[in-house]
Amino acid sequence: MIKVRLKFFSILIDIVGRQELVLTFHKDNITVKDVIEYVEKNYPKLVELKRHIPITILINGTNASKEDIINDGDEIAFLPPASGG
């Protein structure tokens, strides 16, 4: 069993409706791709947003690729592009 914490920032909080989400997977070898698929299935507005802006995904503060393995206790952050001036 793998338990991970998802963190959302900026406009993604509005889409998901919360800043954090804890997920439990009941299988081993979970990848970033598995987490993305879960989020997109449960928050379809995120799919639409991804067509317009890139979303960076970090595992424990480090850039992640879809093939990266998720470990129990990892924190996965979803970040839209930074803006400001």
C-alpha atoms as a PDB file:
ATOM      1  CA  MET A   1       0.000   0.000   0.000  1.00  0.00           C
ATOM      2  CA  ILE A   2       1.359   3.424  -0.986  1.00  0.00           C
ATOM      3  CA  LYS A   3       0.095   6.653   0.536  1.00  0.00           C
ATOM      4  CA  VAL A   4       1.036   9.963  -1.129  1.00  0.00           C
ATOM      5  CA  ARG A   5       0.180  13.617  -0.573  1.00  0.00           C
ATOM      6  CA  LEU A   6      -0.756  15.718  -3.589  1.00  0.00           C
ATOM      7  CA  LYS A   7      -0.341  19.493  -3.395  1.00  0.00           C
ATOM      8  CA  PHE A   8      -1.942  21.925  -5.816  1.00  0.00           C
ATOM      9  CA  PHE A   9      -1.007  25.562  -6.370  1.00  0.00           C
ATOM     10  CA  SER A  10      -2.553  28.714  -7.831  1.00  0.00           C
ATOM     11  CA  ILE A  11      -5.354  28.106 -10.356  1.00  0.00           C
ATOM     12  CA  LEU A  12      -5.102  24.357  -9.754  1.00  0.00           C
ATOM     13  CA  ILE A  13      -6.533  24.846  -6.264  1.00  0.00           C
ATOM     14  CA  ASP A  14      -9.627  26.377  -7.865  1.00  0.00           C
ATOM     15  CA  ILE A  15     -10.002  23.423 -10.231  1.00  0.00           C
ATOM     16  CA  VAL A  16      -9.453  20.701  -7.633  1.00  0.00           C
ATOM     17  CA  GLY A  17     -11.218  22.581  -4.853  1.00  0.00           C
ATOM     18  CA  ARG A  18      -8.485  22.040  -2.305  1.00  0.00           C
ATOM     19  CA  GLN A  19      -4.807  22.630  -1.757  1.00  0.00           C
ATOM     20  CA  GLU A  20      -3.942  19.084  -0.634  1.00  0.00           C
ATOM     21  CA  LEU A  21      -5.220  15.609  -1.284  1.00  0.00           C
ATOM     22  CA  VAL A  22      -4.010  12.324   0.218  1.00  0.00           C
ATOM     23  CA  LEU A  23      -4.250   9.225  -1.961  1.00  0.00           C
ATOM     24  CA  THR A  24      -3.783   5.589  -1.064  1.00  0.00           C
ATOM     25  CA  PHE A  25      -2.888   3.100  -3.794  1.00  0.00           C
ATOM     26  CA  HIS A  26      -3.306  -0.597  -3.079  1.00  0.00           C
ATOM     27  CA  LYS A  27      -0.600  -1.782  -5.451  1.00  0.00           C
ATOM     28  CA  ASP A  28       3.144  -1.408  -5.816  1.00  0.00           C
ATOM     29  CA  ASN A  29       5.122   0.286  -8.583  1.00  0.00           C
ATOM     30  CA  ILE A  30       2.965   3.401  -8.801  1.00  0.00           C
ATOM     31  CA  THR A  31       4.296   5.954 -11.280  1.00  0.00           C
ATOM     32  CA  VAL A  32       3.715   9.656 -11.780  1.00  0.00           C
ATOM     33  CA  LYS A  33       1.629   8.644 -14.791  1.00  0.00           C
ATOM     34  CA  ASP A  34      -0.720   6.658 -12.495  1.00  0.00           C
ATOM     35  CA  VAL A  35      -1.168   9.700 -10.254  1.00  0.00           C
ATOM     36  CA  ILE A  36      -1.817  11.978 -13.239  1.00  0.00           C
ATOM     37  CA  GLU A  37      -4.424   9.551 -14.593  1.00  0.00           C
ATOM     38  CA  TYR A  38      -6.198   9.479 -11.221  1.00  0.00           C
ATOM     39  CA  VAL A  39      -6.255  13.282 -10.985  1.00  0.00           C
ATOM     40  CA  GLU A  40      -7.423  13.741 -14.578  1.00  0.00           C
ATOM     41  CA  LYS A  41     -10.181  11.153 -14.160  1.00  0.00           C
ATOM     42  CA  ASN A  42     -11.471  12.807 -10.988  1.00  0.00           C
ATOM     43  CA  TYR A  43     -10.907  16.435 -12.043  1.00  0.00           C
ATOM     44  CA  PRO A  44     -11.628  16.620 -15.795  1.00  0.00           C
ATOM     45  CA  LYS A  45     -11.307  20.428 -15.856  1.00  0.00           C
ATOM     46  CA  LEU A  46      -7.599  19.858 -15.282  1.00  0.00           C
ATOM     47  CA  VAL A  47      -7.360  18.082 -18.648  1.00  0.00           C
ATOM     48  CA  GLU A  48      -8.811  21.136 -20.376  1.00  0.00           C
ATOM     49  CA  LEU A  49      -6.427  23.464 -18.559  1.00  0.00           C
ATOM     50  CA  LYS A  50      -3.416  21.338 -19.588  1.00  0.00           C
ATOM     51  CA  ARG A  51      -4.299  22.023 -23.219  1.00  0.00           C
ATOM     52  CA  HIS A  52      -3.587  25.710 -22.594  1.00  0.00           C
ATOM     53  CA  ILE A  53      -0.807  25.813 -20.004  1.00  0.00           C
ATOM     54  CA  PRO A  54       1.968  23.442 -18.986  1.00  0.00           C
ATOM     55  CA  ILE A  55       1.797  21.931 -15.517  1.00  0.00           C
ATOM     56  CA  THR A  56       5.033  21.036 -13.770  1.00  0.00           C
ATOM     57  CA  ILE A  57       5.029  18.019 -11.472  1.00  0.00           C
ATOM     58  CA  LEU A  58       7.509  17.636  -8.639  1.00  0.00           C
ATOM     59  CA  ILE A  59       8.192  14.681  -6.365  1.00  0.00           C
ATOM     60  CA  ASN A  60       9.507  15.875  -3.019  1.00  0.00           C
ATOM     61  CA  GLY A  61      10.606  19.148  -4.637  1.00  0.00           C
ATOM     62  CA  THR A  62      12.378  17.602  -7.650  1.00  0.00           C
ATOM     63  CA  ASN A  63      11.156  17.690 -11.257  1.00  0.00           C
ATOM     64  CA  ALA A  64       9.413  14.441 -12.136  1.00  0.00           C
ATOM     65  CA  SER A  65       8.813  12.511 -15.332  1.00  0.00           C
ATOM     66  CA  LYS A  66       5.787  10.308 -15.972  1.00  0.00           C
ATOM     67  CA  GLU A  67       7.895   7.167 -15.566  1.00  0.00           C
ATOM     68  CA  ASP A  68       9.213   8.052 -12.099  1.00  0.00           C
ATOM     69  CA  ILE A  69       8.222   5.619  -9.358  1.00  0.00           C
ATOM     70  CA  ILE A  70       6.235   6.964  -6.409  1.00  0.00           C
ATOM     71  CA  ASN A  71       7.218   5.807  -2.924  1.00  0.00           C
ATOM     72  CA  ASP A  72       5.133   5.657   0.216  1.00  0.00           C
ATOM     73  CA  GLY A  73       5.069   9.075   1.875  1.00  0.00           C
ATOM     74  CA  ASP A  74       6.082  11.060  -1.217  1.00  0.00           C
ATOM     75  CA  GLU A  75       4.714  14.544  -1.806  1.00  0.00           C
ATOM     76  CA  ILE A  76       3.663  15.268  -5.378  1.00  0.00           C
ATOM     77  CA  ALA A  77       3.204  18.914  -6.318  1.00  0.00           C
ATOM     78  CA  PHE A  78       1.245  20.173  -9.345  1.00  0.00           C
ATOM     79  CA  LEU A  79       2.424  23.649 -10.365  1.00  0.00           C
ATOM     80  CA  PRO A  80       1.149  25.935 -13.110  1.00  0.00           C
ATOM     81  CA  PRO A  81       3.608  28.399 -14.677  1.00  0.00           C
ATOM     82  CA  ALA A  82       4.745  31.181 -12.375  1.00  0.00           C
ATOM     83  CA  SER A  83       3.373  34.615 -13.087  1.00  0.00           C
ATOM     84  CA  GLY A  84       3.805  38.030 -11.673  1.00  0.00           C
ATOM     85  CA  GLY A  85       5.934  41.030 -12.128  1.00  0.00           C
END
